[in-house]
Full PDB file with SEQRES, HELIX, SHEET, SSBOND, CRYST1, ORIGX, SCALE, CONECT and MASTER records, all heavy atoms in Angstrom:
SEQRES   1 A   38  MET ASP ILE GLN GLN MET ASP PHE PRO ASP ASN SER PHE          
SEQRES   2 A   38  ASP TYR VAL VAL SER THR CYS VAL PHE CYS SER VAL PRO          
SEQRES   3 A   38  ASP PRO VAL ARG GLY LEU ARG GLU ILE GLY ARG VAL              
HELIX    1 AA1 PRO A   28  ARG A   37  1                                  10    
CRYST1    1.000    1.000    1.000  90.00  90.00  90.00 P 1           1          
ORIGX1      1.000000  0.000000  0.000000        0.00000                         
ORIGX2      0.000000  1.000000  0.000000        0.00000                         
ORIGX3      0.000000  0.000000  1.000000        0.00000                         
SCALE1      1.000000  0.000000  0.000000        0.00000                         
SCALE2      0.000000  1.000000  0.000000        0.00000                         
SCALE3      0.000000  0.000000  1.000000        0.00000                         
ATOM      1  N   MET A   1       0.836  -1.185   0.002  1.00  0.00           N  
ATOM      2  CA  MET A   1      -0.003  -0.003  -0.008  1.00  0.00           C  
ATOM      3  C   MET A   1       0.878   1.248   0.000  1.00  0.00           C  
ATOM      4  O   MET A   1       2.000   1.221   0.495  1.00  0.00           O  
ATOM      5  CB  MET A   1      -0.937   0.011   1.225  1.00  0.00           C  
ATOM      6  CG  MET A   1      -2.106   0.973   1.138  1.00  0.00           C  
ATOM      7  SD  MET A   1      -3.174   0.918   2.619  1.00  0.00           S  
ATOM      8  CE  MET A   1      -3.764  -0.774   2.523  1.00  0.00           C  
ATOM      9  N   ASP A   2       0.346   2.315  -0.540  1.00  0.00           N  
ATOM     10  CA  ASP A   2       1.041   3.588  -0.632  1.00  0.00           C  
ATOM     11  C   ASP A   2       0.606   4.490   0.524  1.00  0.00           C  
ATOM     12  O   ASP A   2      -0.580   4.758   0.702  1.00  0.00           O  
ATOM     13  CB  ASP A   2       0.693   4.241  -1.970  1.00  0.00           C  
ATOM     14  CG  ASP A   2       1.355   5.594  -2.190  1.00  0.00           C  
ATOM     15  OD1 ASP A   2       2.156   6.024  -1.347  1.00  0.00           O  
ATOM     16  OD2 ASP A   2       1.049   6.219  -3.214  1.00  0.00           O  
ATOM     17  N   ILE A   3       1.551   4.959   1.317  1.00  0.00           N  
ATOM     18  CA  ILE A   3       1.261   5.828   2.436  1.00  0.00           C  
ATOM     19  C   ILE A   3       0.501   7.087   2.000  1.00  0.00           C  
ATOM     20  O   ILE A   3      -0.320   7.629   2.728  1.00  0.00           O  
ATOM     21  CB  ILE A   3       2.571   6.241   3.154  1.00  0.00           C  
ATOM     22  CG1 ILE A   3       3.217   5.037   3.820  1.00  0.00           C  
ATOM     23  CG2 ILE A   3       2.325   7.347   4.188  1.00  0.00           C  
ATOM     24  CD1 ILE A   3       4.610   5.343   4.336  1.00  0.00           C  
ATOM     25  N   GLN A   4       0.769   7.524   0.785  1.00  0.00           N  
ATOM     26  CA  GLN A   4       0.149   8.745   0.286  1.00  0.00           C  
ATOM     27  C   GLN A   4      -1.324   8.604  -0.073  1.00  0.00           C  
ATOM     28  O   GLN A   4      -2.026   9.595  -0.245  1.00  0.00           O  
ATOM     29  CB  GLN A   4       0.922   9.254  -0.948  1.00  0.00           C  
ATOM     30  CG  GLN A   4       2.384   9.510  -0.676  1.00  0.00           C  
ATOM     31  CD  GLN A   4       3.186   9.521  -1.951  1.00  0.00           C  
ATOM     32  OE1 GLN A   4       3.668  10.564  -2.368  1.00  0.00           O  
ATOM     33  NE2 GLN A   4       3.343   8.375  -2.594  1.00  0.00           N  
ATOM     34  N   GLN A   5      -1.776   7.334  -0.182  1.00  0.00           N  
ATOM     35  CA  GLN A   5      -3.168   7.077  -0.565  1.00  0.00           C  
ATOM     36  C   GLN A   5      -3.566   5.719   0.012  1.00  0.00           C  
ATOM     37  O   GLN A   5      -3.588   4.719  -0.686  1.00  0.00           O  
ATOM     38  CB  GLN A   5      -3.320   7.098  -2.086  1.00  0.00           C  
ATOM     39  CG  GLN A   5      -4.763   7.094  -2.555  1.00  0.00           C  
ATOM     40  CD  GLN A   5      -4.866   7.265  -4.067  1.00  0.00           C  
ATOM     41  OE1 GLN A   5      -3.846   7.377  -4.753  1.00  0.00           O  
ATOM     42  NE2 GLN A   5      -6.077   7.303  -4.566  1.00  0.00           N  
ATOM     43  N   MET A   6      -3.916   5.717   1.290  1.00  0.00           N  
ATOM     44  CA  MET A   6      -4.204   4.457   1.980  1.00  0.00           C  
ATOM     45  C   MET A   6      -5.681   4.078   1.849  1.00  0.00           C  
ATOM     46  O   MET A   6      -6.548   4.929   1.708  1.00  0.00           O  
ATOM     47  CB  MET A   6      -3.806   4.589   3.452  1.00  0.00           C  
ATOM     48  CG  MET A   6      -2.305   4.712   3.657  1.00  0.00           C  
ATOM     49  SD  MET A   6      -1.783   4.668   5.380  1.00  0.00           S  
ATOM     50  CE  MET A   6      -2.021   6.389   5.843  1.00  0.00           C  
ATOM     51  N   ASP A   7      -5.924   2.777   1.925  1.00  0.00           N  
ATOM     52  CA  ASP A   7      -7.263   2.226   1.772  1.00  0.00           C  
ATOM     53  C   ASP A   7      -8.052   2.184   3.067  1.00  0.00           C  
ATOM     54  O   ASP A   7      -9.209   1.756   3.075  1.00  0.00           O  
ATOM     55  CB  ASP A   7      -7.195   0.807   1.198  1.00  0.00           C  
ATOM     56  CG  ASP A   7      -6.611   0.763  -0.197  1.00  0.00           C  
ATOM     57  OD1 ASP A   7      -6.650   1.802  -0.884  1.00  0.00           O  
ATOM     58  OD2 ASP A   7      -6.088  -0.292  -0.602  1.00  0.00           O  
ATOM     59  N   PHE A   8      -7.436   2.551   4.177  1.00  0.00           N  
ATOM     60  CA  PHE A   8      -8.094   2.429   5.485  1.00  0.00           C  
ATOM     61  C   PHE A   8      -9.105   3.549   5.695  1.00  0.00           C  
ATOM     62  O   PHE A   8      -8.917   4.682   5.244  1.00  0.00           O  
ATOM     63  CB  PHE A   8      -7.049   2.481   6.595  1.00  0.00           C  
ATOM     64  CG  PHE A   8      -5.946   1.481   6.465  1.00  0.00           C  
ATOM     65  CD1 PHE A   8      -4.635   1.909   6.244  1.00  0.00           C  
ATOM     66  CD2 PHE A   8      -6.189   0.117   6.536  1.00  0.00           C  
ATOM     67  CE1 PHE A   8      -3.613   0.999   6.118  1.00  0.00           C  
ATOM     68  CE2 PHE A   8      -5.166  -0.797   6.402  1.00  0.00           C  
ATOM     69  CZ  PHE A   8      -3.870  -0.366   6.184  1.00  0.00           C  
ATOM     70  N   PRO A   9     -10.186   3.255   6.444  1.00  0.00           N  
ATOM     71  CA  PRO A   9     -11.148   4.312   6.775  1.00  0.00           C  
ATOM     72  C   PRO A   9     -10.529   5.339   7.724  1.00  0.00           C  
ATOM     73  O   PRO A   9      -9.480   5.099   8.338  1.00  0.00           O  
ATOM     74  CB  PRO A   9     -12.267   3.532   7.511  1.00  0.00           C  
ATOM     75  CG  PRO A   9     -12.064   2.108   7.174  1.00  0.00           C  
ATOM     76  CD  PRO A   9     -10.598   1.930   6.938  1.00  0.00           C  
ATOM     77  N   ASP A  10     -11.156   6.487   7.849  1.00  0.00           N  
ATOM     78  CA  ASP A  10     -10.751   7.508   8.800  1.00  0.00           C  
ATOM     79  C   ASP A  10     -10.744   6.900  10.214  1.00  0.00           C  
ATOM     80  O   ASP A  10     -11.549   6.015  10.528  1.00  0.00           O  
ATOM     81  CB  ASP A  10     -11.702   8.691   8.771  1.00  0.00           C  
ATOM     82  CG  ASP A  10     -11.679   9.437   7.452  1.00  0.00           C  
ATOM     83  OD1 ASP A  10     -10.889   9.066   6.579  1.00  0.00           O  
ATOM     84  OD2 ASP A  10     -12.484  10.390   7.311  1.00  0.00           O  
ATOM     85  N   ASN A  11      -9.855   7.426  11.067  1.00  0.00           N  
ATOM     86  CA  ASN A  11      -9.864   7.079  12.508  1.00  0.00           C  
ATOM     87  C   ASN A  11      -9.734   5.571  12.758  1.00  0.00           C  
ATOM     88  O   ASN A  11     -10.429   5.002  13.585  1.00  0.00           O  
ATOM     89  CB  ASN A  11     -11.139   7.590  13.170  1.00  0.00           C  
ATOM     90  CG  ASN A  11     -11.392   9.066  12.922  1.00  0.00           C  
ATOM     91  OD1 ASN A  11     -10.443   9.861  12.829  1.00  0.00           O  
ATOM     92  ND2 ASN A  11     -12.645   9.427  12.757  1.00  0.00           N  
ATOM     93  N   SER A  12      -8.791   4.935  12.040  1.00  0.00           N  
ATOM     94  CA  SER A  12      -8.645   3.477  12.138  1.00  0.00           C  
ATOM     95  C   SER A  12      -7.638   3.020  13.193  1.00  0.00           C  
ATOM     96  O   SER A  12      -7.741   1.901  13.692  1.00  0.00           O  
ATOM     97  CB  SER A  12      -8.209   2.913  10.780  1.00  0.00           C  
ATOM     98  OG  SER A  12      -9.216   3.022   9.803  1.00  0.00           O  
ATOM     99  N   PHE A  13      -6.637   3.849  13.519  1.00  0.00           N  
ATOM    100  CA  PHE A  13      -5.500   3.357  14.296  1.00  0.00           C  
ATOM    101  C   PHE A  13      -5.257   4.206  15.541  1.00  0.00           C  
ATOM    102  O   PHE A  13      -5.397   5.434  15.530  1.00  0.00           O  
ATOM    103  CB  PHE A  13      -4.234   3.356  13.434  1.00  0.00           C  
ATOM    104  CG  PHE A  13      -4.316   2.415  12.263  1.00  0.00           C  
ATOM    105  CD1 PHE A  13      -4.642   2.888  11.007  1.00  0.00           C  
ATOM    106  CD2 PHE A  13      -4.082   1.072  12.438  1.00  0.00           C  
ATOM    107  CE1 PHE A  13      -4.741   2.021   9.925  1.00  0.00           C  
ATOM    108  CE2 PHE A  13      -4.156   0.203  11.370  1.00  0.00           C  
ATOM    109  CZ  PHE A  13      -4.492   0.671  10.120  1.00  0.00           C  
ATOM    110  N   ASP A  14      -4.823   3.512  16.612  1.00  0.00           N  
ATOM    111  CA  ASP A  14      -4.432   4.187  17.848  1.00  0.00           C  
ATOM    112  C   ASP A  14      -3.034   4.790  17.727  1.00  0.00           C  
ATOM    113  O   ASP A  14      -2.753   5.848  18.307  1.00  0.00           O  
ATOM    114  CB  ASP A  14      -4.466   3.186  19.015  1.00  0.00           C  
ATOM    115  CG  ASP A  14      -5.843   2.590  19.201  1.00  0.00           C  
ATOM    116  OD1 ASP A  14      -6.745   3.343  19.644  1.00  0.00           O  
ATOM    117  OD2 ASP A  14      -6.030   1.390  18.934  1.00  0.00           O  
ATOM    118  N   TYR A  15      -2.168   4.088  17.002  1.00  0.00           N  
ATOM    119  CA  TYR A  15      -0.793   4.551  16.796  1.00  0.00           C  
ATOM    120  C   TYR A  15      -0.391   4.299  15.344  1.00  0.00           C  
ATOM    121  O   TYR A  15      -0.831   3.322  14.718  1.00  0.00           O  
ATOM    122  CB  TYR A  15       0.185   3.773  17.701  1.00  0.00           C  
ATOM    123  CG  TYR A  15       0.057   4.049  19.162  1.00  0.00           C  
ATOM    124  CD1 TYR A  15      -0.791   3.266  19.955  1.00  0.00           C  
ATOM    125  CD2 TYR A  15       0.791   5.062  19.786  1.00  0.00           C  
ATOM    126  CE1 TYR A  15      -0.913   3.506  21.322  1.00  0.00           C  
ATOM    127  CE2 TYR A  15       0.670   5.299  21.148  1.00  0.00           C  
ATOM    128  CZ  TYR A  15      -0.179   4.511  21.904  1.00  0.00           C  
ATOM    129  OH  TYR A  15      -0.290   4.769  23.257  1.00  0.00           O  
ATOM    130  N   VAL A  16       0.495   5.172  14.845  1.00  0.00           N  
ATOM    131  CA  VAL A  16       1.212   4.925  13.617  1.00  0.00           C  
ATOM    132  C   VAL A  16       2.689   5.022  13.912  1.00  0.00           C  
ATOM    133  O   VAL A  16       3.108   5.909  14.653  1.00  0.00           O  
ATOM    134  CB  VAL A  16       0.827   5.924  12.512  1.00  0.00           C  
ATOM    135  CG1 VAL A  16       1.648   5.682  11.254  1.00  0.00           C  
ATOM    136  CG2 VAL A  16      -0.672   5.830  12.177  1.00  0.00           C  
ATOM    137  N   VAL A  17       3.468   4.088  13.383  1.00  0.00           N  
ATOM    138  CA  VAL A  17       4.915   4.045  13.599  1.00  0.00           C  
ATOM    139  C   VAL A  17       5.611   4.202  12.245  1.00  0.00           C  
ATOM    140  O   VAL A  17       5.200   3.586  11.250  1.00  0.00           O  
ATOM    141  CB  VAL A  17       5.340   2.718  14.242  1.00  0.00           C  
ATOM    142  CG1 VAL A  17       6.861   2.621  14.330  1.00  0.00           C  
ATOM    143  CG2 VAL A  17       4.715   2.587  15.635  1.00  0.00           C  
ATOM    144  N   SER A  18       6.645   5.042  12.197  1.00  0.00           N  
ATOM    145  CA  SER A  18       7.456   5.142  10.990  1.00  0.00           C  
ATOM    146  C   SER A  18       8.920   5.264  11.387  1.00  0.00           C  
ATOM    147  O   SER A  18       9.250   6.025  12.301  1.00  0.00           O  
ATOM    148  CB  SER A  18       7.036   6.310  10.106  1.00  0.00           C  
ATOM    149  OG  SER A  18       7.485   7.538  10.634  1.00  0.00           O  
ATOM    150  N   THR A  19       9.782   4.515  10.702  1.00  0.00           N  
ATOM    151  CA  THR A  19      11.218   4.575  10.986  1.00  0.00           C  
ATOM    152  C   THR A  19      11.956   4.758   9.650  1.00  0.00           C  
ATOM    153  O   THR A  19      11.957   3.865   8.817  1.00  0.00           O  
ATOM    154  CB  THR A  19      11.711   3.325  11.723  1.00  0.00           C  
ATOM    155  OG1 THR A  19      11.319   2.155  11.012  1.00  0.00           O  
ATOM    156  CG2 THR A  19      11.134   3.274  13.134  1.00  0.00           C  
ATOM    157  N   CYS A  20      12.549   5.919   9.485  1.00  0.00           N  
ATOM    158  CA  CYS A  20      13.289   6.269   8.260  1.00  0.00           C  
ATOM    159  C   CYS A  20      12.430   6.020   7.024  1.00  0.00           C  
ATOM    160  O   CYS A  20      12.818   5.284   6.117  1.00  0.00           O  
ATOM    161  CB  CYS A  20      14.617   5.510   8.181  1.00  0.00           C  
ATOM    162  SG  CYS A  20      15.850   6.183   9.300  1.00  0.00           S  
ATOM    163  N   VAL A  21      11.246   6.584   7.023  1.00  0.00           N  
ATOM    164  CA  VAL A  21      10.283   6.421   5.939  1.00  0.00           C  
ATOM    165  C   VAL A  21      10.100   7.690   5.137  1.00  0.00           C  
ATOM    166  O   VAL A  21      10.088   7.679   3.919  1.00  0.00           O  
ATOM    167  CB  VAL A  21       8.919   5.967   6.520  1.00  0.00           C  
ATOM    168  CG1 VAL A  21       7.823   6.015   5.459  1.00  0.00           C  
ATOM    169  CG2 VAL A  21       9.025   4.575   7.103  1.00  0.00           C  
ATOM    170  N   PHE A  22      10.001   8.837   5.817  1.00  0.00           N  
ATOM    171  CA  PHE A  22       9.636  10.062   5.118  1.00  0.00           C  
ATOM    172  C   PHE A  22      10.800  10.700   4.389  1.00  0.00           C  
ATOM    173  O   PHE A  22      10.636  11.773   3.785  1.00  0.00           O  
ATOM    174  CB  PHE A  22       8.929  11.016   6.084  1.00  0.00           C  
ATOM    175  CG  PHE A  22       7.532  10.613   6.309  1.00  0.00           C  
ATOM    176  CD1 PHE A  22       7.188   9.782   7.373  1.00  0.00           C  
ATOM    177  CD2 PHE A  22       6.533  10.973   5.422  1.00  0.00           C  
ATOM    178  CE1 PHE A  22       5.886   9.357   7.559  1.00  0.00           C  
ATOM    179  CE2 PHE A  22       5.232  10.560   5.593  1.00  0.00           C  
ATOM    180  CZ  PHE A  22       4.894   9.740   6.660  1.00  0.00           C  
ATOM    181  N   CYS A  23      11.927  10.024   4.352  1.00  0.00           N  
ATOM    182  CA  CYS A  23      13.007  10.390   3.432  1.00  0.00           C  
ATOM    183  C   CYS A  23      12.707   9.891   2.029  1.00  0.00           C  
ATOM    184  O   CYS A  23      13.290  10.369   1.048  1.00  0.00           O  
ATOM    185  CB  CYS A  23      14.344   9.838   3.918  1.00  0.00           C  
ATOM    186  SG  CYS A  23      14.319   8.041   4.101  1.00  0.00           S  
ATOM    187  N   SER A  24      11.788   8.915   1.916  1.00  0.00           N  
ATOM    188  CA  SER A  24      11.548   8.251   0.639  1.00  0.00           C  
ATOM    189  C   SER A  24      10.178   8.521   0.053  1.00  0.00           C  
ATOM    190  O   SER A  24       9.983   8.312  -1.145  1.00  0.00           O  
ATOM    191  CB  SER A  24      11.731   6.730   0.824  1.00  0.00           C  
ATOM    192  OG  SER A  24      13.000   6.428   1.343  1.00  0.00           O  
ATOM    193  N   VAL A  25       9.221   8.918   0.848  1.00  0.00           N  
ATOM    194  CA  VAL A  25       7.863   9.178   0.344  1.00  0.00           C  
ATOM    195  C   VAL A  25       7.943  10.327  -0.665  1.00  0.00           C  
ATOM    196  O   VAL A  25       8.451  11.408  -0.356  1.00  0.00           O  
ATOM    197  CB  VAL A  25       6.917   9.550   1.496  1.00  0.00           C  
ATOM    198  CG1 VAL A  25       5.523   9.871   0.951  1.00  0.00           C  
ATOM    199  CG2 VAL A  25       6.856   8.409   2.502  1.00  0.00           C  
ATOM    200  N   PRO A  26       7.479  10.115  -1.906  1.00  0.00           N  
ATOM    201  CA  PRO A  26       7.589  11.176  -2.910  1.00  0.00           C  
ATOM    202  C   PRO A  26       6.984  12.515  -2.482  1.00  0.00           C  
ATOM    203  O   PRO A  26       7.584  13.558  -2.712  1.00  0.00           O  
ATOM    204  CB  PRO A  26       6.833  10.581  -4.119  1.00  0.00           C  
ATOM    205  CG  PRO A  26       7.028   9.105  -3.970  1.00  0.00           C  
ATOM    206  CD  PRO A  26       6.967   8.865  -2.494  1.00  0.00           C  
ATOM    207  N   ASP A  27       5.791  12.483  -1.866  1.00  0.00           N  
ATOM    208  CA  ASP A  27       5.164  13.699  -1.371  1.00  0.00           C  
ATOM    209  C   ASP A  27       4.973  13.535   0.135  1.00  0.00           C  
ATOM    210  O   ASP A  27       3.933  13.036   0.578  1.00  0.00           O  
ATOM    211  CB  ASP A  27       3.817  13.940  -2.060  1.00  0.00           C  
ATOM    212  CG  ASP A  27       3.194  15.286  -1.715  1.00  0.00           C  
ATOM    213  OD1 ASP A  27       3.533  15.837  -0.653  1.00  0.00           O  
ATOM    214  OD2 ASP A  27       2.343  15.771  -2.472  1.00  0.00           O  
ATOM    215  N   PRO A  28       5.953  13.908   0.943  1.00  0.00           N  
ATOM    216  CA  PRO A  28       5.883  13.630   2.372  1.00  0.00           C  
ATOM    217  C   PRO A  28       4.728  14.337   3.087  1.00  0.00           C  
ATOM    218  O   PRO A  28       4.141  13.768   4.016  1.00  0.00           O  
ATOM    219  CB  PRO A  28       7.227  14.109   2.906  1.00  0.00           C  
ATOM    220  CG  PRO A  28       7.746  15.080   1.885  1.00  0.00           C  
ATOM    221  CD  PRO A  28       7.215  14.600   0.580  1.00  0.00           C  
ATOM    222  N   VAL A  29       4.375  15.554   2.665  1.00  0.00           N  
ATOM    223  CA  VAL A  29       3.252  16.239   3.319  1.00  0.00           C  
ATOM    224  C   VAL A  29       1.959  15.504   3.048  1.00  0.00           C  
ATOM    225  O   VAL A  29       1.126  15.324   3.969  1.00  0.00           O  
ATOM    226  CB  VAL A  29       3.177  17.696   2.817  1.00  0.00           C  
ATOM    227  CG1 VAL A  29       1.947  18.389   3.391  1.00  0.00           C  
ATOM    228  CG2 VAL A  29       4.441  18.472   3.244  1.00  0.00           C  
ATOM    229  N   ARG A  30       1.760  15.049   1.830  1.00  0.00           N  
ATOM    230  CA  ARG A  30       0.558  14.267   1.535  1.00  0.00           C  
ATOM    231  C   ARG A  30       0.525  12.983   2.354  1.00  0.00           C  
ATOM    232  O   ARG A  30      -0.543  12.616   2.877  1.00  0.00           O  
ATOM    233  CB  ARG A  30       0.544  13.932   0.034  1.00  0.00           C  
ATOM    234  CG  ARG A  30      -0.677  13.133  -0.415  1.00  0.00           C  
ATOM    235  CD  ARG A  30      -0.661  12.928  -1.911  1.00  0.00           C  
ATOM    236  NE  ARG A  30      -1.771  12.096  -2.335  1.00  0.00           N  
ATOM    237  CZ  ARG A  30      -2.007  11.776  -3.609  1.00  0.00           C  
ATOM    238  NH1 ARG A  30      -1.219  12.234  -4.571  1.00  0.00           N  
ATOM    239  NH2 ARG A  30      -3.030  11.003  -3.934  1.00  0.00           N  
ATOM    240  N   GLY A  31       1.669  12.317   2.480  1.00  0.00           N  
ATOM    241  CA  GLY A  31       1.723  11.096   3.302  1.00  0.00           C  
ATOM    242  C   GLY A  31       1.395  11.361   4.751  1.00  0.00           C  
ATOM    243  O   GLY A  31       0.690  10.598   5.391  1.00  0.00           O  
ATOM    244  N   LEU A  32       1.915  12.449   5.284  1.00  0.00           N  
ATOM    245  CA  LEU A  32       1.657  12.808   6.689  1.00  0.00           C  
ATOM    246  C   LEU A  32       0.189  13.174   6.904  1.00  0.00           C  
ATOM    247  O   LEU A  32      -0.397  12.840   7.931  1.00  0.00           O  
ATOM    248  CB  LEU A  32       2.575  13.955   7.106  1.00  0.00           C  
ATOM    249  CG  LEU A  32       4.033  13.565   7.319  1.00  0.00           C  
ATOM    250  CD1 LEU A  32       4.940  14.771   7.239  1.00  0.00           C  
ATOM    251  CD2 LEU A  32       4.216  12.840   8.658  1.00  0.00           C  
ATOM    252  N   ARG A  33      -0.415  13.839   5.930  1.00  0.00           N  
ATOM    253  CA  ARG A  33      -1.842  14.148   6.040  1.00  0.00           C  
ATOM    254  C   ARG A  33      -2.684  12.870   6.051  1.00  0.00           C  
ATOM    255  O   ARG A  33      -3.672  12.763   6.768  1.00  0.00           O  
ATOM    256  CB  ARG A  33      -2.261  15.061   4.904  1.00  0.00           C  
ATOM    257  CG  ARG A  33      -1.789  16.503   5.091  1.00  0.00           C  
ATOM    258  CD  ARG A  33      -2.141  17.360   3.894  1.00  0.00           C  
ATOM    259  NE  ARG A  33      -1.694  18.733   4.095  1.00  0.00           N  
ATOM    260  CZ  ARG A  33      -1.415  19.592   3.118  1.00  0.00           C  
ATOM    261  NH1 ARG A  33      -1.519  19.199   1.842  1.00  0.00           N  
ATOM    262  NH2 ARG A  33      -1.044  20.821   3.396  1.00  0.00           N  
ATOM    263  N   GLU A  34      -2.277  11.906   5.227  1.00  0.00           N  
ATOM    264  CA  GLU A  34      -2.976  10.619   5.216  1.00  0.00           C  
ATOM    265  C   GLU A  34      -2.870   9.913   6.566  1.00  0.00           C  
ATOM    266  O   GLU A  34      -3.836   9.310   7.063  1.00  0.00           O  
ATOM    267  CB  GLU A  34      -2.394   9.711   4.118  1.00  0.00           C  
ATOM    268  CG  GLU A  34      -3.119   9.790   2.793  1.00  0.00           C  
ATOM    269  CD  GLU A  34      -4.524   9.188   2.860  1.00  0.00           C  
ATOM    270  OE1 GLU A  34      -4.670   7.995   2.658  1.00  0.00           O  
ATOM    271  OE2 GLU A  34      -5.463   9.955   3.113  1.00  0.00           O  
ATOM    272  N   ILE A  35      -1.693   9.987   7.173  1.00  0.00           N  
ATOM    273  CA  ILE A  35      -1.533   9.416   8.509  1.00  0.00           C  
ATOM    274  C   ILE A  35      -2.454  10.112   9.497  1.00  0.00           C  
ATOM    275  O   ILE A  35      -3.097   9.461  10.333  1.00  0.00           O  
ATOM    276  CB  ILE A  35      -0.054   9.505   8.943  1.00  0.00           C  
ATOM    277  CG1 ILE A  35       0.748   8.441   8.179  1.00  0.00           C  
ATOM    278  CG2 ILE A  35       0.070   9.313  10.457  1.00  0.00           C  
ATOM    279  CD1 ILE A  35       2.222   8.469   8.472  1.00  0.00           C  
ATOM    280  N   GLY A  36      -2.532  11.440   9.418  1.00  0.00           N  
ATOM    281  CA  GLY A  36      -3.461  12.165  10.285  1.00  0.00           C  
ATOM    282  C   GLY A  36      -4.904  11.698  10.067  1.00  0.00           C  
ATOM    283  O   GLY A  36      -5.691  11.620  11.018  1.00  0.00           O  
ATOM    284  N   ARG A  37      -5.255  11.380   8.829  1.00  0.00           N  
ATOM    285  CA  ARG A  37      -6.614  10.938   8.530  1.00  0.00           C  
ATOM    286  C   ARG A  37      -6.947   9.593   9.174  1.00  0.00           C  
ATOM    287  O   ARG A  37      -8.032   9.389   9.711  1.00  0.00           O  
ATOM    288  CB  ARG A  37      -6.791  10.841   7.010  1.00  0.00           C  
ATOM    289  CG  ARG A  37      -8.203  10.409   6.598  1.00  0.00           C  
ATOM    290  CD  ARG A  37      -8.292  10.234   5.076  1.00  0.00           C  
ATOM    291  NE  ARG A  37      -7.522   9.113   4.580  1.00  0.00           N  
ATOM    292  CZ  ARG A  37      -7.900   7.825   4.654  1.00  0.00           C  
ATOM    293  NH1 ARG A  37      -9.051   7.498   5.243  1.00  0.00           N  
ATOM    294  NH2 ARG A  37      -7.136   6.873   4.153  1.00  0.00           N  
ATOM    295  N   VAL A  38      -5.990   8.658   9.134  1.00  0.00           N  
ATOM    296  CA  VAL A  38      -6.280   7.302   9.618  1.00  0.00           C  
ATOM    297  C   VAL A  38      -6.051   7.176  11.131  1.00  0.00           C  
ATOM    298  O   VAL A  38      -6.474   6.173  11.727  1.00  0.00           O  
ATOM    299  CB  VAL A  38      -5.483   6.232   8.851  1.00  0.00           C  
ATOM    300  CG1 VAL A  38      -5.782   6.309   7.376  1.00  0.00           C  
ATOM    301  CG2 VAL A  38      -3.981   6.329   9.112  1.00  0.00           C  
TER     302      VAL A  38                                                      
MASTER        0    0    0    1    0    0    0    6  301    1    0    3          
END                                                                             
């Protein structure tokens, strides 16, 4: 799955973990917004 466009519904997770990930996401702000959504 792509962090920038995830298939999960809103408010799905208690925690999100990332380790050395946002150096590689093509659009990091979009990916971070998606994390905020889920």
